[in-house]
Amino acid sequence: MHAKDILIDGYRRIQEEVHVAVEGLDPDDLNARPADGSNSLAWLVWHLTRVQDDHLADAFGLDQVWLAQDWEKRFGLDLPRQDTGYGHSDAKVAKVRVSDGGLLTGYHDAVHAQSLEALRALTAADLERVVDERWDPPVTLGVRLVSVLSDDLQHVGQAAYVRGLLQSAAA
């Protein structure tokens, strides 16, 4: 198995878990925040998808799906166009609301498709290419891909946990 195959498998797992976390929930559940200062399931999935979209588009020299495919307009959030949710205050988290889970999974699926296309073209040498010199040591493409994978898996796990909280409260 090649490194790119492992990465592709990891990113597919994110997509699968996004669907498991989101599907079948109504807008109230998607936008519910289990406690003051916590994130909603909608915010978690939007954020993890925005991070994947932003970071992989930058690393591979691609357009962000968020902007190129008008997802920014479809979501209609009162946030800056390039916002990914990083460092969001409680007030900004509250601005991320959706009326339908299909919006979240649709955007995630579009980002996933672009991510897989880029990952399928990877060579071993590509993984060593420096994509961010703002860090010491500079960040290679391989490190960036694993970083996004790790961050997204953590957030989709949080989304699954929020779903579980909502379902047990309803039972």
Protein backbone atom coordinates (compact mmCIF):
# COMPACT_ATOMS: atom_id res chain seq x y z
CA MET A 1 0.00 0.00 0.00
CA HIS A 2 1.29 3.43 -0.91
CA ALA A 3 1.10 6.49 1.32
CA LYS A 4 -1.48 8.08 -0.96
CA ASP A 5 -3.73 5.03 -0.56
CA ILE A 6 -3.58 5.39 3.22
CA LEU A 7 -4.44 9.09 2.93
CA ILE A 8 -7.32 8.36 0.55
CA ASP A 9 -8.68 5.77 2.99
CA GLY A 10 -8.43 8.26 5.86
CA TYR A 11 -10.24 11.02 3.97
CA ARG A 12 -12.97 8.55 2.91
CA ARG A 13 -13.51 7.74 6.59
CA ILE A 14 -14.10 11.43 7.30
CA GLN A 15 -16.76 11.56 4.59
CA GLU A 16 -18.47 8.40 5.88
CA GLU A 17 -18.58 9.73 9.43
CA VAL A 18 -19.87 13.14 8.31
CA HIS A 19 -22.86 11.41 6.72
CA VAL A 20 -23.44 9.24 9.81
CA ALA A 21 -23.34 12.32 12.07
CA VAL A 22 -25.64 14.49 9.94
CA GLU A 23 -28.20 12.34 8.17
CA GLY A 24 -31.67 12.11 9.65
CA LEU A 25 -31.35 15.14 11.92
CA ASP A 26 -33.75 18.06 11.69
CA PRO A 27 -32.57 21.70 11.67
CA ASP A 28 -33.19 22.08 15.41
CA ASP A 29 -30.82 19.20 16.18
CA LEU A 30 -28.22 20.28 13.61
CA ASN A 31 -28.09 23.78 15.09
CA ALA A 32 -28.47 22.86 18.77
CA ARG A 33 -25.61 23.72 21.08
CA PRO A 34 -25.57 21.23 23.95
CA ALA A 35 -24.19 23.75 26.44
CA ASP A 36 -23.30 27.43 26.61
CA GLY A 37 -20.11 28.04 24.69
CA SER A 38 -20.22 24.69 22.88
CA ASN A 39 -20.29 24.04 19.15
CA SER A 40 -23.29 22.78 17.23
CA LEU A 41 -23.08 19.74 15.00
CA ALA A 42 -23.66 22.07 12.03
CA TRP A 43 -20.72 24.26 13.05
CA LEU A 44 -18.43 21.26 13.57
CA VAL A 45 -19.16 19.76 10.15
CA TRP A 46 -19.05 23.14 8.39
CA HIS A 47 -15.72 23.94 10.08
CA LEU A 48 -14.03 20.61 9.38
CA THR A 49 -15.11 20.86 5.75
CA ARG A 50 -13.95 24.47 5.44
CA VAL A 51 -10.53 23.51 6.88
CA GLN A 52 -10.16 20.63 4.44
CA ASP A 53 -11.29 22.82 1.55
CA ASP A 54 -9.04 25.76 2.48
CA HIS A 55 -5.91 23.83 3.39
CA LEU A 56 -5.94 21.28 0.57
CA ALA A 57 -6.84 23.87 -2.07
CA ASP A 58 -3.89 25.97 -0.90
CA ALA A 59 -1.50 23.00 -0.77
CA PHE A 60 -2.44 21.74 -4.23
CA GLY A 61 -2.87 25.16 -5.89
CA LEU A 62 -6.61 24.68 -6.43
CA ASP A 63 -9.63 26.95 -6.05
CA GLN A 64 -11.63 26.49 -2.88
CA VAL A 65 -14.86 24.61 -3.53
CA TRP A 66 -16.54 27.03 -1.07
CA LEU A 67 -16.03 29.90 -3.49
CA ALA A 68 -15.69 28.22 -6.90
CA GLN A 69 -18.93 26.24 -6.58
CA ASP A 70 -20.91 28.96 -4.75
CA TRP A 71 -21.27 27.07 -1.46
CA GLU A 72 -20.59 30.35 0.31
CA LYS A 73 -23.76 31.77 -1.26
CA ARG A 74 -25.79 28.61 -0.63
CA PHE A 75 -24.95 28.71 3.08
CA GLY A 76 -25.57 32.47 3.28
CA LEU A 77 -23.62 32.90 6.51
CA ASP A 78 -22.93 36.34 7.91
CA LEU A 79 -19.17 35.68 7.93
CA PRO A 80 -16.20 36.76 5.81
CA ARG A 81 -15.90 34.80 2.53
CA GLN A 82 -12.62 33.11 3.50
CA ASP A 83 -13.68 32.25 7.08
CA THR A 84 -12.96 28.65 8.13
CA GLY A 85 -14.15 28.91 11.73
CA TYR A 86 -10.68 28.95 13.22
CA GLY A 87 -10.73 30.91 16.49
CA HIS A 88 -14.45 31.58 16.31
CA SER A 89 -16.01 33.37 19.24
CA ASP A 90 -19.27 32.16 20.71
CA ALA A 91 -21.11 34.80 18.64
CA LYS A 92 -19.51 33.61 15.39
CA VAL A 93 -20.26 29.96 16.17
CA ALA A 94 -23.90 30.99 16.58
CA LYS A 95 -23.91 32.43 13.02
CA VAL A 96 -23.31 29.00 11.49
CA ARG A 97 -26.83 27.66 11.09
CA VAL A 98 -28.31 25.41 8.43
CA SER A 99 -31.89 24.64 7.44
CA ASP A 100 -31.05 21.21 6.03
CA GLY A 101 -28.37 18.58 6.67
CA GLY A 102 -28.09 18.09 2.91
CA LEU A 103 -26.35 21.44 2.72
CA LEU A 104 -23.60 20.17 5.05
CA THR A 105 -23.20 16.78 3.38
CA GLY A 106 -23.44 18.30 -0.11
CA TYR A 107 -20.63 20.74 0.59
CA HIS A 108 -18.57 18.05 2.27
CA ASP A 109 -19.07 15.67 -0.67
CA ALA A 110 -17.95 18.37 -3.13
CA VAL A 111 -14.80 19.07 -1.08
CA HIS A 112 -14.21 15.33 -0.69
CA ALA A 113 -14.38 14.84 -4.48
CA GLN A 114 -11.78 17.56 -5.05
CA SER A 115 -9.60 16.18 -2.25
CA LEU A 116 -9.67 12.65 -3.67
CA GLU A 117 -8.81 13.87 -7.15
CA ALA A 118 -5.75 15.67 -5.77
CA LEU A 119 -4.75 12.72 -3.56
CA ARG A 120 -4.99 10.22 -6.43
CA ALA A 121 -2.39 12.22 -8.39
CA LEU A 122 0.13 12.26 -5.49
CA THR A 123 3.63 10.88 -5.86
CA ALA A 124 5.99 10.04 -3.03
CA ALA A 125 8.12 13.04 -3.98
CA ASP A 126 5.09 15.36 -3.73
CA LEU A 127 4.76 14.57 -0.03
CA GLU A 128 8.16 16.20 0.64
CA ARG A 129 7.23 19.50 -1.06
CA VAL A 130 7.14 22.42 1.38
CA VAL A 131 3.70 24.05 1.38
CA ASP A 132 4.01 26.44 4.32
CA GLU A 133 7.21 28.20 5.36
CA ARG A 134 5.60 30.10 8.25
CA TRP A 135 6.47 27.24 10.62
CA ASP A 136 9.78 25.95 11.95
CA PRO A 137 10.36 23.47 10.51
CA PRO A 138 8.50 24.34 7.31
CA VAL A 139 5.41 22.22 6.66
CA THR A 140 5.55 19.63 3.89
CA LEU A 141 2.55 18.48 1.90
CA GLY A 142 2.65 15.13 3.70
CA VAL A 143 2.54 16.80 7.11
CA ARG A 144 -0.27 19.13 6.01
CA LEU A 145 -2.36 16.24 4.71
CA VAL A 146 -1.97 14.30 7.96
CA SER A 147 -2.66 17.43 10.01
CA VAL A 148 -5.95 18.09 8.20
CA LEU A 149 -6.88 14.41 8.41
CA SER A 150 -6.27 14.43 12.17
CA ASP A 151 -8.17 17.69 12.73
CA ASP A 152 -11.13 16.55 10.65
CA LEU A 153 -11.35 13.18 12.40
CA GLN A 154 -11.36 14.92 15.77
CA HIS A 155 -14.16 17.27 14.71
CA VAL A 156 -16.29 14.56 13.12
CA GLY A 157 -15.90 12.59 16.36
CA GLN A 158 -17.12 15.65 18.24
CA ALA A 159 -20.09 15.90 15.86
CA ALA A 160 -20.94 12.24 16.52
CA TYR A 161 -20.75 12.92 20.26
CA VAL A 162 -23.10 15.91 19.95
CA ARG A 163 -25.51 13.73 17.97
CA GLY A 164 -25.40 11.14 20.76
CA LEU A 165 -26.09 13.79 23.38
CA LEU A 166 -29.08 15.05 21.41
CA GLN A 167 -30.47 11.58 20.87
CA SER A 168 -30.14 10.59 24.52
CA ALA A 169 -31.79 13.82 25.63
CA ALA A 170 -34.71 13.08 23.30
CA ALA A 171 -35.11 9.47 24.51
